[in-house]
Each structure stands twice: as C-alpha cells, then as structure tokens.
Protein backbone atom coordinates (compact mmCIF):
# COMPACT_ATOMS: atom_id res chain seq x y z
CA MET A 1 -47.54 -15.01 -20.38
CA SER A 2 -47.57 -11.41 -21.33
CA ALA A 3 -48.42 -10.53 -17.68
CA LEU A 4 -45.06 -12.18 -16.65
CA ALA A 5 -43.20 -10.06 -19.21
CA ASP A 6 -44.96 -6.90 -18.01
CA GLN A 7 -43.66 -7.70 -14.51
CA PHE A 8 -40.22 -8.71 -15.33
CA GLN A 9 -37.68 -5.98 -14.39
CA PRO A 10 -34.32 -7.55 -15.92
CA PHE A 11 -32.02 -4.77 -14.92
CA ASP A 12 -33.28 -4.83 -11.09
CA VAL A 13 -31.30 -7.63 -9.42
CA GLY A 14 -31.77 -6.26 -5.77
CA GLU A 15 -34.68 -8.58 -4.88
CA PRO A 16 -35.88 -10.59 -7.81
CA PHE A 17 -36.91 -13.76 -6.06
CA ALA A 18 -40.56 -13.21 -5.46
CA PHE A 19 -40.96 -12.61 -9.13
CA TYR A 20 -38.78 -15.71 -9.98
CA GLN A 21 -41.01 -17.88 -7.72
CA ARG A 22 -44.12 -16.65 -9.64
CA ALA A 23 -42.33 -17.21 -13.11
CA ARG A 24 -41.74 -20.88 -11.99
CA SER A 25 -45.15 -21.47 -11.06
CA GLU A 26 -46.71 -19.99 -14.22
CA ALA A 27 -44.38 -20.87 -17.21
CA THR A 28 -41.64 -23.02 -18.44
CA VAL A 29 -40.59 -20.08 -20.72
CA PHE A 30 -41.80 -16.51 -21.31
CA TYR A 31 -40.81 -13.92 -23.81
CA SER A 32 -39.35 -10.58 -22.74
CA PRO A 33 -39.99 -7.83 -25.47
CA GLU A 34 -37.69 -5.60 -23.47
CA LEU A 35 -34.77 -7.89 -24.06
CA ASP A 36 -35.82 -9.81 -27.12
CA TYR A 37 -35.04 -12.86 -25.22
CA TRP A 38 -36.81 -16.09 -24.20
CA VAL A 39 -36.54 -16.35 -20.36
CA VAL A 40 -36.28 -19.84 -18.71
CA PRO A 41 -36.84 -19.94 -14.93
CA ARG A 42 -37.04 -23.51 -13.82
CA TYR A 43 -34.10 -25.73 -12.76
CA GLU A 44 -34.75 -28.73 -14.99
CA ASP A 45 -34.94 -26.71 -18.19
CA VAL A 46 -31.93 -24.47 -17.31
CA LEU A 47 -29.90 -27.73 -16.52
CA ALA A 48 -30.98 -29.47 -19.83
CA ILE A 49 -30.00 -26.23 -21.80
CA LEU A 50 -26.61 -25.99 -20.12
CA HIS A 51 -26.00 -29.68 -21.11
CA ASP A 52 -26.81 -29.01 -24.88
CA PRO A 53 -24.20 -26.55 -26.22
CA GLY A 54 -24.95 -27.91 -29.59
CA THR A 55 -28.59 -26.62 -29.67
CA PHE A 56 -27.95 -23.65 -27.35
CA SER A 57 -24.80 -21.95 -28.28
CA SER A 58 -22.91 -19.46 -26.00
CA GLU A 59 -21.76 -17.30 -28.76
CA ASN A 60 -23.83 -14.47 -27.50
CA ALA A 61 -22.72 -14.73 -23.84
CA GLN A 62 -20.85 -11.47 -23.67
CA SER A 63 -23.14 -9.63 -26.23
CA PRO A 64 -24.99 -6.51 -25.35
CA PHE A 65 -28.92 -6.91 -25.31
CA ARG A 66 -29.21 -4.02 -27.71
CA PRO A 67 -27.26 -2.92 -30.76
CA GLN A 68 -24.45 -0.58 -29.46
CA PRO A 69 -24.57 3.09 -30.87
CA PRO A 70 -22.04 3.77 -33.65
CA ALA A 71 -19.91 5.90 -31.31
CA VAL A 72 -19.53 2.85 -28.97
CA GLU A 73 -18.70 0.52 -31.79
CA HIS A 74 -16.06 2.95 -33.17
CA VAL A 75 -14.31 3.13 -29.69
CA LEU A 76 -14.35 -0.75 -29.29
CA GLY A 77 -13.34 -1.42 -32.95
CA SER A 78 -10.38 0.94 -32.49
CA GLY A 79 -8.83 -0.81 -29.71
CA LEU A 80 -10.30 -4.12 -28.95
CA ALA A 81 -9.02 -7.18 -30.69
CA GLY A 82 -11.44 -9.59 -29.00
CA ARG A 83 -14.95 -9.15 -27.66
CA SER A 84 -15.34 -12.41 -25.64
CA GLY A 85 -13.31 -14.74 -23.43
CA LEU A 86 -13.74 -18.47 -23.13
CA LEU A 87 -17.31 -18.46 -22.38
CA GLY A 88 -18.28 -16.96 -25.81
CA HIS A 89 -16.50 -19.77 -27.76
CA ASN A 90 -18.01 -22.97 -28.90
CA PRO A 91 -16.46 -26.29 -29.64
CA PRO A 92 -13.86 -27.02 -31.25
CA ASP A 93 -12.39 -23.48 -30.32
CA HIS A 94 -13.60 -23.83 -26.81
CA THR A 95 -12.03 -27.08 -26.32
CA ARG A 96 -8.77 -26.06 -27.52
CA LEU A 97 -8.66 -22.75 -25.58
CA ARG A 98 -9.96 -24.33 -22.38
CA SER A 99 -7.09 -26.97 -22.59
CA PHE A 100 -4.55 -24.10 -22.39
CA VAL A 101 -6.14 -22.69 -19.28
CA ASN A 102 -6.67 -26.05 -17.63
CA ARG A 103 -2.90 -26.61 -17.94
CA ALA A 104 -2.29 -23.41 -16.16
CA PHE A 105 -5.25 -23.15 -13.77
CA THR A 106 -4.22 -26.34 -11.89
CA PRO A 107 -5.67 -27.54 -8.56
CA ARG A 108 -2.08 -27.22 -7.28
CA ARG A 109 -2.01 -23.59 -8.16
CA VAL A 110 -5.14 -22.83 -6.42
CA ALA A 111 -4.55 -25.03 -3.16
CA VAL A 112 -1.14 -23.34 -2.49
CA LEU A 113 -3.07 -19.90 -2.39
CA GLU A 114 -4.75 -20.65 0.87
CA PRO A 115 -2.12 -19.31 3.21
CA GLN A 116 -1.88 -15.92 1.15
CA ILE A 117 -5.75 -15.58 1.01
CA ARG A 118 -5.95 -16.02 4.68
CA GLU A 119 -3.03 -13.58 5.20
CA ILE A 120 -4.98 -11.01 2.90
CA THR A 121 -8.25 -11.53 4.78
CA VAL A 122 -6.74 -11.14 8.23
CA ARG A 123 -4.93 -8.02 7.17
CA MET A 124 -8.23 -6.47 5.85
CA ILE A 125 -10.11 -7.57 9.01
CA ASP A 126 -7.48 -6.25 11.30
CA ARG A 127 -7.49 -2.97 9.48
CA MET A 128 -11.33 -2.28 9.93
CA ALA A 129 -11.88 -4.14 13.40
CA PRO A 130 -10.78 -1.36 15.73
CA ARG A 131 -13.31 1.11 14.28
CA GLY A 132 -16.25 -1.10 15.38
CA HIS A 133 -18.18 -0.40 12.16
CA GLY A 134 -17.49 -0.33 8.60
CA ASP A 135 -18.65 -0.98 4.90
CA TRP A 136 -18.13 -4.75 4.33
CA VAL A 137 -18.22 -4.08 0.48
CA SER A 138 -15.55 -1.37 0.29
CA ASP A 139 -13.54 -2.63 3.25
CA LEU A 140 -13.49 -6.30 2.40
CA ALA A 141 -15.52 -7.96 -0.47
CA TYR A 142 -14.54 -5.17 -3.20
CA ASP A 143 -10.86 -5.64 -3.17
CA LEU A 144 -10.09 -9.14 -1.69
CA PRO A 145 -11.11 -11.29 -4.69
CA ALA A 146 -9.12 -8.88 -7.02
CA LEU A 147 -5.97 -9.26 -4.75
CA VAL A 148 -6.33 -13.04 -4.82
CA ILE A 149 -6.73 -13.32 -8.75
CA PHE A 150 -3.80 -11.01 -9.00
CA LEU A 151 -1.75 -13.65 -7.18
CA LEU A 152 -2.62 -16.02 -10.21
CA LEU A 153 -2.12 -13.64 -12.90
CA GLY A 154 1.16 -11.86 -11.50
CA ILE A 155 -0.41 -8.42 -11.22
CA PRO A 156 0.67 -5.87 -8.57
CA GLU A 157 -1.73 -4.92 -5.68
CA SER A 158 -1.52 -1.21 -6.74
CA ASP A 159 -3.57 -1.96 -9.90
CA VAL A 160 -6.72 -2.96 -8.06
CA PRO A 161 -8.59 0.26 -8.49
CA ASN A 162 -8.17 0.29 -12.31
CA VAL A 163 -9.04 -3.20 -12.72
CA LYS A 164 -12.20 -3.24 -10.72
CA ALA A 165 -13.25 -0.04 -12.51
CA TRP A 166 -12.54 -1.54 -15.96
CA ALA A 167 -14.32 -4.81 -14.98
CA GLN A 168 -17.39 -2.80 -13.91
CA SER A 169 -17.44 -0.99 -17.32
CA ARG A 170 -17.37 -4.38 -19.11
CA VAL A 171 -20.34 -5.48 -16.97
CA GLN A 172 -22.25 -2.30 -17.74
CA LEU A 173 -21.65 -2.56 -21.61
CA ASN A 174 -22.49 -6.22 -21.84
CA PHE A 175 -25.25 -6.48 -19.31
CA GLY A 176 -26.64 -3.10 -18.47
CA SER A 177 -28.84 -0.51 -20.05
CA LEU A 178 -27.18 2.94 -20.23
CA PRO A 179 -27.45 6.26 -22.25
CA GLU A 180 -25.09 6.70 -25.07
CA ALA A 181 -22.70 9.09 -23.36
CA ASP A 182 -22.20 6.50 -20.55
CA GLN A 183 -21.74 3.74 -22.82
CA VAL A 184 -18.86 5.59 -24.62
CA ALA A 185 -17.04 6.22 -21.36
CA HIS A 186 -17.44 2.42 -20.32
CA ALA A 187 -16.27 1.48 -23.81
CA GLU A 188 -13.15 3.51 -23.50
CA ASN A 189 -12.57 1.79 -20.07
CA VAL A 190 -12.80 -1.57 -21.77
CA VAL A 191 -10.47 -0.70 -24.47
CA ALA A 192 -7.91 0.33 -21.63
CA TYR A 193 -8.72 -2.91 -20.00
CA TRP A 194 -7.74 -5.14 -23.14
CA GLN A 195 -4.79 -3.17 -23.77
CA TYR A 196 -3.58 -3.69 -20.12
CA CYS A 197 -4.11 -7.41 -20.53
CA GLU A 198 -2.26 -7.23 -24.05
CA ALA A 199 0.69 -5.50 -22.32
CA LEU A 200 0.52 -8.18 -19.46
CA VAL A 201 0.87 -11.08 -22.00
CA GLU A 202 3.56 -9.26 -24.10
CA ASP A 203 5.73 -8.73 -20.89
CA ARG A 204 5.60 -12.49 -20.10
CA PHE A 205 7.49 -13.32 -23.27
CA THR A 206 10.66 -11.45 -21.96
CA HIS A 207 9.78 -11.60 -18.28
CA PRO A 208 8.13 -14.96 -17.35
CA GLY A 209 6.92 -15.69 -13.82
CA ASP A 210 4.79 -18.21 -11.99
CA ASP A 211 1.45 -17.11 -13.09
CA LEU A 212 -1.37 -17.92 -15.68
CA PRO A 213 -0.06 -15.49 -18.52
CA SER A 214 3.33 -16.97 -18.14
CA ASP A 215 2.12 -20.46 -18.45
CA LEU A 216 0.23 -19.68 -21.53
CA VAL A 217 3.17 -18.05 -23.10
CA ARG A 218 5.44 -20.99 -22.07
CA GLU A 219 2.99 -23.38 -23.98
CA TYR A 220 3.39 -21.18 -26.95
CA GLN A 221 7.23 -20.98 -26.83
CA ARG A 222 7.41 -24.63 -26.46
CA GLY A 223 6.00 -25.00 -29.92
CA ASP A 224 2.31 -25.11 -29.51
CA LYS A 225 1.35 -22.28 -31.75
CA SER A 226 -2.39 -23.26 -31.93
CA ILE A 227 -3.01 -20.31 -29.61
CA THR A 228 -2.62 -16.76 -30.98
CA ARG A 229 -1.27 -13.71 -28.96
CA ASP A 230 -4.83 -12.19 -29.12
CA GLU A 231 -6.35 -15.42 -27.77
CA MET A 232 -3.97 -15.31 -24.75
CA THR A 233 -4.98 -11.78 -24.25
CA GLY A 234 -8.53 -12.80 -24.45
CA LEU A 235 -8.22 -15.62 -21.83
CA VAL A 236 -6.49 -13.33 -19.56
CA PHE A 237 -9.14 -10.58 -20.12
CA GLY A 238 -11.80 -13.13 -19.39
CA GLN A 239 -10.38 -14.65 -16.29
CA LEU A 240 -9.36 -11.25 -14.80
CA THR A 241 -12.99 -10.25 -14.79
CA ALA A 242 -14.66 -13.45 -13.89
CA GLY A 243 -12.10 -14.08 -11.15
CA HIS A 244 -13.18 -11.32 -8.93
CA GLU A 245 -16.45 -9.82 -9.84
CA THR A 246 -18.39 -12.92 -9.19
CA THR A 247 -16.50 -13.61 -5.88
CA THR A 248 -17.20 -9.98 -4.75
CA GLY A 249 -20.89 -10.77 -5.27
CA LEU A 250 -20.68 -14.02 -3.38
CA LEU A 251 -19.04 -12.48 -0.35
CA ALA A 252 -20.96 -9.26 -0.21
CA THR A 253 -24.51 -10.87 -0.77
CA GLY A 254 -23.41 -13.67 1.58
CA PHE A 255 -22.65 -11.23 4.27
CA LEU A 256 -25.89 -9.47 3.90
CA GLN A 257 -27.96 -12.80 3.97
CA LEU A 258 -26.05 -14.32 6.86
CA LEU A 259 -26.43 -11.27 8.94
CA ARG A 260 -30.24 -10.78 7.96
CA ASN A 261 -30.68 -14.58 9.11
CA ARG A 262 -28.96 -14.14 12.50
CA ARG A 263 -29.41 -17.69 13.42
CA GLN A 264 -27.47 -18.93 10.39
CA TRP A 265 -24.49 -16.46 11.19
CA GLU A 266 -24.53 -17.64 14.79
CA ALA A 267 -24.52 -21.20 13.83
CA LEU A 268 -21.21 -20.84 11.86
CA CYS A 269 -19.79 -18.81 14.70
CA ARG A 270 -20.42 -21.76 17.02
CA ASP A 271 -19.49 -24.51 14.55
CA PRO A 272 -17.00 -23.58 11.84
CA VAL A 273 -17.34 -27.06 10.48
CA LEU A 274 -20.43 -25.90 8.84
CA ILE A 275 -18.68 -23.31 6.71
CA PRO A 276 -17.87 -25.42 3.58
CA ASN A 277 -21.64 -26.29 3.28
CA ALA A 278 -22.64 -22.71 4.09
CA VAL A 279 -20.57 -21.62 1.21
CA GLU A 280 -22.49 -23.86 -1.06
CA GLU A 281 -25.71 -22.68 0.35
CA LEU A 282 -24.71 -19.05 -0.28
CA LEU A 283 -23.85 -19.87 -3.83
CA ARG A 284 -27.36 -21.34 -4.31
CA PHE A 285 -29.31 -18.75 -2.28
CA CYS A 286 -27.44 -15.57 -3.48
CA THR A 287 -26.16 -16.82 -6.86
CA PRO A 288 -23.63 -14.12 -7.91
CA VAL A 289 -24.21 -14.59 -11.57
CA LEU A 290 -28.13 -14.49 -11.92
CA ALA A 291 -28.36 -15.10 -15.67
CA ALA A 292 -26.63 -16.74 -18.68
CA LYS A 293 -27.29 -16.06 -22.27
CA ARG A 294 -27.61 -18.60 -25.07
CA ARG A 295 -28.62 -18.68 -28.78
CA VAL A 296 -30.72 -21.32 -30.46
CA THR A 297 -28.84 -22.92 -33.35
CA HIS A 298 -31.82 -24.79 -34.63
CA ALA A 299 -35.50 -24.96 -34.02
CA THR A 300 -36.25 -26.65 -30.60
CA THR A 301 -38.69 -26.95 -27.86
CA VAL A 302 -38.27 -25.91 -24.22
CA GLY A 303 -41.04 -27.09 -22.15
CA ASP A 304 -44.22 -26.42 -24.05
CA THR A 305 -42.65 -23.65 -26.18
CA GLN A 306 -41.31 -23.86 -29.66
CA LEU A 307 -38.15 -21.75 -30.13
CA PRO A 308 -36.92 -20.80 -33.76
CA ALA A 309 -33.29 -20.91 -34.86
CA GLY A 310 -31.54 -17.82 -34.01
CA ALA A 311 -33.71 -17.04 -30.82
CA ASN A 312 -32.03 -15.60 -27.82
CA VAL A 313 -32.50 -17.28 -24.40
CA LEU A 314 -31.88 -16.02 -20.97
CA LEU A 315 -31.29 -18.83 -18.37
CA LEU A 316 -32.29 -17.53 -14.93
CA LEU A 317 -29.67 -19.33 -12.77
CA GLY A 318 -30.84 -17.38 -9.62
CA SER A 319 -34.36 -18.68 -10.20
CA ALA A 320 -33.40 -22.22 -10.88
CA ASN A 321 -31.32 -22.21 -7.64
CA HIS A 322 -34.57 -21.26 -5.72
CA ASP A 323 -36.63 -24.03 -7.53
CA GLU A 324 -38.65 -25.79 -4.75
CA ALA A 325 -38.86 -28.98 -7.06
CA VAL A 326 -35.00 -29.48 -6.29
CA PHE A 327 -34.56 -27.43 -3.18
CA PRO A 328 -37.39 -27.69 -0.72
CA ASP A 329 -38.09 -24.09 0.87
CA GLY A 330 -35.74 -22.79 -1.86
CA ASP A 331 -36.48 -19.14 -0.75
CA GLY A 332 -35.14 -19.97 2.61
CA LEU A 333 -31.47 -19.94 3.84
CA ASP A 334 -30.30 -23.01 5.60
CA VAL A 335 -26.35 -23.55 6.00
CA CYS A 336 -27.05 -27.10 6.97
CA ARG A 337 -29.06 -27.85 3.81
CA PRO A 338 -28.55 -31.43 2.48
CA GLY A 339 -27.92 -31.87 -1.35
CA VAL A 340 -27.06 -28.08 -1.80
CA GLY A 341 -24.23 -29.13 -4.14
CA ARG A 342 -26.76 -29.54 -7.01
CA HIS A 343 -26.89 -25.70 -7.42
CA LEU A 344 -26.14 -24.14 -10.78
CA ALA A 345 -24.13 -21.04 -9.65
CA PHE A 346 -21.05 -22.25 -11.64
CA GLY A 347 -23.03 -23.28 -14.59
CA HIS A 348 -22.90 -26.97 -15.79
CA GLY A 349 -21.49 -28.76 -18.77
CA ILE A 350 -18.47 -27.60 -20.86
CA HIS A 351 -18.81 -24.18 -19.55
CA PHE A 352 -18.44 -25.16 -15.94
CA CYS A 353 -16.62 -22.19 -14.18
CA LEU A 354 -12.93 -22.65 -13.99
CA GLY A 355 -12.73 -20.62 -10.96
CA ALA A 356 -15.04 -22.57 -8.85
CA PRO A 357 -12.33 -24.26 -6.59
CA LEU A 358 -10.87 -20.63 -5.98
CA ALA A 359 -14.11 -19.10 -5.30
CA ARG A 360 -15.16 -21.84 -2.83
CA LEU A 361 -11.67 -21.44 -1.06
CA GLU A 362 -12.11 -17.73 -0.86
CA GLY A 363 -15.61 -18.08 0.71
CA GLN A 364 -14.57 -20.52 3.32
CA VAL A 365 -11.39 -18.63 4.39
CA VAL A 366 -13.21 -15.37 4.67
CA LEU A 367 -16.12 -16.73 6.79
CA GLN A 368 -13.67 -18.62 9.04
CA GLU A 369 -11.87 -15.52 9.85
CA LEU A 370 -14.92 -13.22 10.09
CA THR A 371 -16.98 -15.61 12.35
CA ALA A 372 -13.99 -16.18 14.67
CA ARG A 373 -12.94 -12.40 14.84
CA LEU A 374 -16.16 -10.51 14.69
CA PRO A 375 -18.95 -12.93 15.78
CA ASP A 376 -20.93 -10.10 17.13
CA ALA A 377 -21.17 -8.28 13.89
CA ARG A 378 -24.56 -6.99 12.93
CA LEU A 379 -26.23 -4.83 10.15
CA VAL A 380 -26.50 -1.10 10.78
CA GLU A 381 -30.30 -0.50 10.91
CA PRO A 382 -32.00 1.01 9.12
CA GLN A 383 -30.09 0.99 5.82
CA GLU A 384 -30.90 0.67 2.26
CA VAL A 385 -28.64 -1.79 0.34
CA PRO A 386 -28.07 -0.66 -3.24
CA PHE A 387 -27.25 -2.83 -6.06
CA SER A 388 -25.81 -2.22 -9.55
CA ARG A 389 -28.28 -2.14 -12.30
CA ASN A 390 -27.82 -4.98 -14.90
CA THR A 391 -29.18 -8.24 -15.68
CA THR A 392 -26.42 -10.66 -14.49
CA PHE A 393 -23.88 -9.74 -11.71
CA ARG A 394 -25.71 -9.35 -8.37
CA SER A 395 -23.69 -7.57 -5.70
CA PRO A 396 -24.48 -4.88 -3.09
CA LEU A 397 -22.67 -1.60 -3.67
CA ARG A 398 -22.54 -0.92 0.17
CA LEU A 399 -23.11 -2.94 3.30
CA MET A 400 -22.85 -1.15 6.65
CA VAL A 401 -21.97 -3.41 9.49
CA GLU A 402 -21.15 -2.69 13.18
CA TRP A 403 -19.62 -4.82 15.95
CA GLY A 404 -18.64 -4.39 19.60
CA PRO A 405 -20.67 -2.93 22.53
C-alpha cells in the first residue's frame, strides 16, 4: 500500500493511466500522505461513493489540499463572499439551489445553441485553415467553450481572456500546489472573478436578458426569496468555470488522442454517424475531470478499508473510466465501443454535471466540422505536449497540428 503512495504523483496529470492500472490491480483504497486523502481507483467503489452523499459529503469539493497561507486567506476574505458553487453544497441547500439552475439551464436553452456553436466553430476553423498548421488549443479548444457558455450567461466575447485567466487561477488555488507568492496572485484573480460575477448579477436586476443570471433574478423578483444575491453570484461563479474549463479539456485531449490513434480519426472522417458515440468514448478515455473530492461524515468501509469520520477521499474518475472490469481494454480508444455511456466523466447521483448536454453538443459539433474540413490533420512530430500541474483538470496547454500537402 505504501509503495502505491510512493509512486502516486497527484499533480502530474499528463499520463497517469499506467499508474491507475496498477492501483486498480493492487488496492481498493490507498492513503496518500502527500495529500492526506484516501484514494479510490476502482469503478465500482467510485460509483457507490457518488451515490451516497449522506456518507460521502461534497463539502470539500472546492477546498485546497493544504491550508492556505495567511496572506492568501486575507486576500480571499477581503473580497470573496462565497468559496464554493453548487458542487460544494449538500442537501437540503444543494436541492434548493439546483432547482433554481434547473429552471434556467433547460434543454430548450441548450438545444437552440447548436447553430451558434456551429457558427463559432466554423469561424475559428476558417481562420486557421489557410495557414496549414496551428495550435489546436489556442486556436480552437481554449476559447470556443468560453464563447459558448458566454451565450448562456450573457457575457460579451471580449471578456474571454479575463475569464479564462481567472478560471485558471481558481483551478490552481483549489487543485494545485504552488509557492505562496503565486497563490497570492491567483487569489487576487479569484477575487476579481467573484466581483465580475457579482456585478453581472446586479446588472440583471435593472437590465434583464435571455440568460442564466437573468433567469435567476426573475425567479427572485417573482417572489421566491429563498435564494440570496450571494448565492446567485455563487451559481454564476460555478457555472462560468465548469462550463468551459472542462470542455476545453475534453476537446484538446480528444484531439490529441484521435490524432495519436489515426485509425479512430479516419473512421470519424469516413462516417460522421460515429461521432456521438466517439464523444462518449473520449469522455471516458480522456476524462477532463480526473478526480473528485469527498469527506466521510461517519465511519464507514470502502472495499476492505475502514475510513474514520472526517477522512478526506479522492475519487479517481479517470481511473474508474479505464477499469477493465467495466470497460474491456479500458486503456484502448475505440470510437465504436458499446456500452460506453456508463462512464463517470460527468459524475453520478445528485451532483451529476448540469452542463453534460452542452458539453456533448459542443464535442459533436466540433468533431463534425473538423473531420469534414480538415480530414488530413496530423500531429506535428516530434512534439512535447505539456499539461497544467494540478490534481483534477486534465488539458494540454499546447497541441501543434498540421494539414494539407
């Protein structure tokens, strides 16, 4: 068990799957002294925990792994009214707040976005296509999901650079391991991020539109005062991060794996009907959110391990999605894989991802347009594909691709 902990590199998300395979074969749970978390690698155990929020609370979902320095706490305390979005709440608060977002985040609102998602995708591809080469992160995967979530939240395109930078700061504070000076700079960004969302909500009280913040405000103005202004800001704050960082990871890592597995890419180019199942396989194979945090509310058992009340638990979603007991040849990519919808990329149970339909739609539209317009795309070789250092969000920082003669 200690050997697993010694080999575990929680902040290195580049290629963790060989370790995951070993962890699944050797243990139901192992303890990581570096994180002070019990780590769960197998599908069956992860699924059971996700289905039991009474025993495994999500209250620590957005908490940093280590106590933050006083200087960071001072910055956050001076300007941040809320530390966690919907995921960090438990019932009954979670049930109450999710009902507000459900009323605004409707299937109709997502479905009508398809023409706009396609227009954004085509515009971005047309801009880079004549060059014959490009970075499919900076040229496509980085901005596109933000532009899409901005449509839902009523935010101008010009704010993409700030929002993406602020979201990265939130990821690094909650899931990274950084020197104090860097943490302070990221904390300042997170406060700016919160204040931006706060101003967005306040603006909708006098200038309502057809977007999520306006829908929250309308419910409030109709007489439902069970949600506060700070809670509205927290919901926007949470959705604005989750709505693009995860999809950026899905797209960028999906591009990488499809082009590495050339026959899979060519299959989609020949037969676009495969694309919806391919998106599910990419969600499984290159899970954009590799891990989820939970805290034990009372003494319990996972597998053959006793966990005390208050213990922190890290669910390795990326490992569960490669578990051979559920997905034969789980470390292989197969866009025709049957039964792939059992993956846990969006979580499960009461915290199942609200944005799942939107992420699926974006993945399908982008792959439809890319395979039709740039079927001869190929990775520039040799190249090193760097990843951000954190425990949870897996996305390449750069991916050089070329096409044409």
